[in-house]
């Protein structure tokens, strides 16, 4: 067993549900899916950033991680019938052939999983244009394999409005985190939410608002037609058994 394979013992999955809030039924909540969150083992509920970076450094290291990822997601799916799960892929991973090779193992389960593309800018970019951060072709490739695709943390990192507009033919969900807007003036938050709501409505793509930490925020979103919500107010991430 290699050193990178041994280090996989230090990571695990937590899950956090995504809710559909029904305004017509006294704000009744229905779980419509669950996001798998990579965390350190030991009950810390912390993302293993430095270790994850090790797996992103090259194609071979990424293969070690993605092999572990697919194996564990298949086990989770089989142990929890009826639940749709989403999990994150870093854009750097979409630039490695090993990611697509590993994802083939999840094709039989593609109706149960959604791939969320995060906002991180790839550090090892094999592209012609220096300022081109787009992973449009890679997202299309994932979608053509049969997977539903979400763009995570829109308005952050590489997931700008202009970039995401390029993806709309091949994505199924947008996720906007209020955590990323924590220190932003209220009026600007409203404008930002309205912008992404308009894009979702015009393209028929789902919009999930993340980072909800209070009843007041949840109600305000509901009053503005945003029924798909996720955050600590509803449920803290919990470790999967």
Protein backbone atom coordinates (compact mmCIF):
# COMPACT_ATOMS: atom_id res chain seq x y z
CA UNK A 1 0.00 0.00 0.00
CA UNK A 2 1.40 3.39 -1.00
CA UNK A 3 1.68 6.36 1.35
CA UNK A 4 -1.19 8.14 -0.42
CA UNK A 5 -3.38 5.05 -0.08
CA UNK A 6 -2.59 4.88 3.64
CA UNK A 7 -3.54 8.52 4.10
CA UNK A 8 -7.03 7.76 2.81
CA UNK A 9 -7.71 6.27 6.24
CA UNK A 10 -7.68 9.83 7.54
CA UNK A 11 -10.72 10.95 5.53
CA UNK A 12 -14.39 10.03 5.48
CA UNK A 13 -17.77 11.30 4.34
CA UNK A 14 -20.28 13.40 6.23
CA UNK A 15 -23.69 14.17 4.78
CA UNK A 16 -25.97 17.19 4.85
CA UNK A 17 -29.54 17.03 3.48
CA UNK A 18 -31.05 19.40 0.93
CA UNK A 19 -34.66 20.40 1.58
CA UNK A 20 -37.65 21.44 -0.47
CA UNK A 21 -39.75 23.82 1.64
CA UNK A 22 -43.45 23.76 0.82
CA UNK A 23 -44.96 27.20 1.53
CA UNK A 24 -48.48 25.91 0.86
CA UNK A 25 -48.15 23.28 3.60
CA UNK A 26 -47.08 25.48 6.52
CA UNK A 27 -43.46 25.34 5.42
CA UNK A 28 -43.27 21.56 5.56
CA UNK A 29 -39.79 20.29 4.69
CA UNK A 30 -39.05 17.41 2.36
CA UNK A 31 -35.56 15.96 1.86
CA UNK A 32 -34.77 15.91 -1.87
CA UNK A 33 -31.17 14.76 -1.63
CA UNK A 34 -28.05 14.74 0.48
CA UNK A 35 -24.63 16.24 -0.17
CA UNK A 36 -21.59 14.14 0.66
CA UNK A 37 -18.90 16.23 2.34
CA UNK A 38 -15.28 15.13 2.55
CA UNK A 39 -14.07 15.41 6.13
CA UNK A 40 -11.22 14.39 8.41
CA UNK A 41 -11.84 11.28 10.47
CA UNK A 42 -12.12 11.76 14.21
CA UNK A 43 -15.37 13.70 14.42
CA UNK A 44 -13.91 17.14 13.62
CA UNK A 45 -16.29 18.01 10.76
CA UNK A 46 -13.37 19.73 9.01
CA UNK A 47 -12.40 19.59 5.35
CA UNK A 48 -8.94 17.94 4.91
CA UNK A 49 -7.61 20.76 2.72
CA UNK A 50 -3.88 19.95 2.79
CA UNK A 51 -4.41 16.24 2.16
CA UNK A 52 -6.89 16.93 -0.62
CA UNK A 53 -4.31 19.17 -2.24
CA UNK A 54 -1.86 16.25 -2.29
CA UNK A 55 -4.30 14.19 -4.33
CA UNK A 56 -4.81 17.07 -6.78
CA UNK A 57 -1.12 17.46 -7.66
CA UNK A 58 -1.04 15.08 -10.64
CA UNK A 59 -3.01 12.46 -12.57
CA UNK A 60 -1.54 9.47 -10.70
CA UNK A 61 -2.29 10.92 -7.25
CA UNK A 62 -5.77 11.85 -8.38
CA UNK A 63 -6.38 8.25 -9.51
CA UNK A 64 -5.68 7.02 -5.98
CA UNK A 65 -8.24 9.43 -4.57
CA UNK A 66 -10.90 8.89 -7.24
CA UNK A 67 -10.66 5.10 -6.90
CA UNK A 68 -11.34 5.49 -3.17
CA UNK A 69 -14.10 8.02 -3.87
CA UNK A 70 -16.03 5.81 -6.28
CA UNK A 71 -15.69 2.71 -4.09
CA UNK A 72 -17.06 4.53 -1.04
CA UNK A 73 -19.88 6.26 -2.90
CA UNK A 74 -21.07 2.94 -4.32
CA UNK A 75 -21.12 1.51 -0.78
CA UNK A 76 -23.12 4.52 0.48
CA UNK A 77 -25.63 4.22 -2.37
CA UNK A 78 -26.13 0.52 -1.78
CA UNK A 79 -26.53 1.02 1.98
CA UNK A 80 -29.07 3.83 1.57
CA UNK A 81 -31.61 2.97 -1.14
CA UNK A 82 -33.87 5.74 -2.39
CA UNK A 83 -31.58 8.67 -1.56
CA UNK A 84 -29.98 10.84 -4.23
CA UNK A 85 -26.47 11.93 -3.31
CA UNK A 86 -24.28 14.71 -4.61
CA UNK A 87 -20.52 14.99 -4.20
CA UNK A 88 -17.86 17.52 -5.11
CA UNK A 89 -15.22 17.43 -7.79
CA UNK A 90 -12.53 20.10 -7.97
CA UNK A 91 -12.11 21.64 -11.45
CA UNK A 92 -8.51 20.46 -11.32
CA UNK A 93 -9.80 16.90 -11.25
CA UNK A 94 -11.79 17.54 -14.42
CA UNK A 95 -8.50 18.17 -16.20
CA UNK A 96 -7.21 14.68 -15.38
CA UNK A 97 -8.08 11.61 -17.46
CA UNK A 98 -8.05 9.51 -14.29
CA UNK A 99 -11.19 11.27 -13.05
CA UNK A 100 -13.22 10.28 -16.09
CA UNK A 101 -11.84 6.75 -15.98
CA UNK A 102 -12.85 6.39 -12.33
CA UNK A 103 -16.30 7.94 -12.89
CA UNK A 104 -17.10 5.11 -15.30
CA UNK A 105 -17.57 2.97 -12.21
CA UNK A 106 -20.47 5.19 -11.12
CA UNK A 107 -22.32 5.11 -14.44
CA UNK A 108 -24.62 2.26 -13.29
CA UNK A 109 -25.65 4.56 -10.41
CA UNK A 110 -25.90 7.81 -12.38
CA UNK A 111 -29.58 8.20 -11.53
CA UNK A 112 -28.61 8.34 -7.84
CA UNK A 113 -25.68 10.75 -7.94
CA UNK A 114 -25.09 14.36 -8.90
CA UNK A 115 -21.60 15.76 -9.42
CA UNK A 116 -20.99 19.23 -7.99
CA UNK A 117 -18.20 21.21 -9.65
CA UNK A 118 -16.57 23.50 -7.09
CA UNK A 119 -15.29 27.04 -7.54
CA UNK A 120 -11.53 26.43 -7.16
CA UNK A 121 -9.32 27.66 -10.00
CA UNK A 122 -7.11 24.82 -11.34
CA UNK A 123 -3.42 25.34 -10.62
CA UNK A 124 -2.21 22.97 -13.36
CA UNK A 125 -3.97 24.31 -16.44
CA UNK A 126 -3.13 22.74 -19.78
CA UNK A 127 -4.88 25.35 -21.91
CA UNK A 128 -3.96 27.73 -24.71
CA UNK A 129 -5.30 30.92 -23.17
CA UNK A 130 -3.88 32.03 -19.82
CA UNK A 131 -7.08 33.71 -18.67
CA UNK A 132 -9.33 30.86 -19.72
CA UNK A 133 -10.59 29.20 -16.53
CA UNK A 134 -13.54 27.49 -18.22
CA UNK A 135 -14.10 23.76 -17.81
CA UNK A 136 -17.03 23.80 -20.23
CA UNK A 137 -15.79 20.86 -22.31
CA UNK A 138 -15.12 18.76 -19.22
CA UNK A 139 -18.55 19.49 -17.75
CA UNK A 140 -20.12 18.52 -21.06
CA UNK A 141 -18.15 15.27 -21.01
CA UNK A 142 -19.38 14.44 -17.49
CA UNK A 143 -22.96 15.23 -18.50
CA UNK A 144 -22.72 13.07 -21.61
CA UNK A 145 -21.66 10.15 -19.39
CA UNK A 146 -25.17 10.36 -17.92
CA UNK A 147 -24.51 12.28 -14.71
CA UNK A 148 -26.50 15.20 -13.39
CA UNK A 149 -24.20 18.17 -12.80
CA UNK A 150 -24.37 21.06 -10.34
CA UNK A 151 -22.19 24.15 -10.22
CA UNK A 152 -21.28 24.82 -6.60
CA UNK A 153 -20.73 28.22 -4.96
CA UNK A 154 -21.74 30.32 -7.94
CA UNK A 155 -20.47 33.92 -7.78
CA UNK A 156 -17.28 32.60 -6.15
CA UNK A 157 -13.88 31.64 -7.57
CA UNK A 158 -14.08 30.48 -11.18
CA UNK A 159 -17.87 30.08 -11.08
CA UNK A 160 -18.64 33.63 -12.18
CA UNK A 161 -21.89 34.52 -13.91
CA UNK A 162 -20.23 34.70 -17.33
CA UNK A 163 -18.47 31.35 -16.86
CA UNK A 164 -21.58 29.54 -15.63
CA UNK A 165 -23.66 30.87 -18.54
CA UNK A 166 -21.41 28.79 -20.80
CA UNK A 167 -22.39 25.63 -18.92
CA UNK A 168 -26.18 25.93 -18.94
CA UNK A 169 -26.73 23.29 -21.65
CA UNK A 170 -24.97 20.68 -19.52
CA UNK A 171 -25.87 21.46 -15.92
CA UNK A 172 -28.92 20.68 -13.82
CA UNK A 173 -28.42 22.75 -10.68
CA UNK A 174 -26.89 25.97 -9.39
CA UNK A 175 -25.85 26.31 -5.75
CA UNK A 176 -25.42 29.75 -4.19
CA UNK A 177 -23.90 29.92 -0.72
CA UNK A 178 -24.90 32.71 1.65
CA UNK A 179 -21.70 31.99 3.58
CA UNK A 180 -19.74 33.50 0.69
CA UNK A 181 -21.88 36.65 1.03
CA UNK A 182 -21.57 36.96 4.79
CA UNK A 183 -19.86 40.38 4.80
CA UNK A 184 -21.79 41.82 1.86
CA UNK A 185 -24.34 44.63 2.19
CA UNK A 186 -27.93 43.37 2.28
CA UNK A 187 -28.98 45.11 -0.92
CA UNK A 188 -26.12 43.52 -2.83
CA UNK A 189 -27.06 40.10 -1.46
CA UNK A 190 -30.60 40.59 -2.77
CA UNK A 191 -29.28 41.61 -6.20
CA UNK A 192 -26.91 38.60 -6.31
CA UNK A 193 -29.68 36.16 -5.43
CA UNK A 194 -32.00 37.77 -7.98
CA UNK A 195 -29.37 37.44 -10.70
CA UNK A 196 -28.93 33.70 -10.19
CA UNK A 197 -32.66 33.18 -9.73
CA UNK A 198 -33.24 34.83 -13.11
CA UNK A 199 -30.65 32.61 -14.80
CA UNK A 200 -32.17 29.50 -13.23
CA UNK A 201 -35.67 30.50 -14.30
CA UNK A 202 -34.66 31.31 -17.88
CA UNK A 203 -32.82 28.00 -18.34
CA UNK A 204 -34.99 25.63 -16.29
CA UNK A 205 -32.09 24.83 -13.95
CA UNK A 206 -32.58 24.17 -10.24
CA UNK A 207 -31.31 26.75 -7.75
CA UNK A 208 -30.38 25.70 -4.22
CA UNK A 209 -29.48 28.30 -1.61
CA UNK A 210 -26.86 27.03 0.86
CA UNK A 211 -25.57 28.37 4.17
CA UNK A 212 -28.96 29.07 5.76
CA UNK A 213 -28.49 29.62 9.49
CA UNK A 214 -31.82 31.01 10.71
CA UNK A 215 -35.58 30.76 10.34
CA UNK A 216 -35.73 34.41 9.27
CA UNK A 217 -33.43 33.82 6.30
CA UNK A 218 -35.30 30.67 5.30
CA UNK A 219 -38.63 32.50 5.39
CA UNK A 220 -37.30 35.44 3.36
CA UNK A 221 -36.05 33.03 0.69
CA UNK A 222 -39.37 31.22 0.67
CA UNK A 223 -41.25 34.50 0.26
CA UNK A 224 -39.07 35.18 -2.77
CA UNK A 225 -39.82 31.85 -4.40
CA UNK A 226 -36.66 29.99 -3.35
CA UNK A 227 -37.88 26.70 -1.97
CA UNK A 228 -34.74 24.55 -2.23
CA UNK A 229 -32.56 25.22 0.78
CA UNK A 230 -29.61 23.76 2.68
CA UNK A 231 -27.78 24.81 5.82
CA UNK A 232 -27.01 24.44 9.50
CA UNK A 233 -30.43 25.82 10.45
CA UNK A 234 -31.99 22.63 9.10
CA UNK A 235 -29.28 20.06 9.80
CA UNK A 236 -25.61 20.03 10.68
CA UNK A 237 -23.44 17.62 8.67
CA UNK A 238 -23.27 14.19 10.24
CA UNK A 239 -20.83 11.38 9.72
CA UNK A 240 -22.06 8.48 7.64
CA UNK A 241 -21.88 5.15 9.40
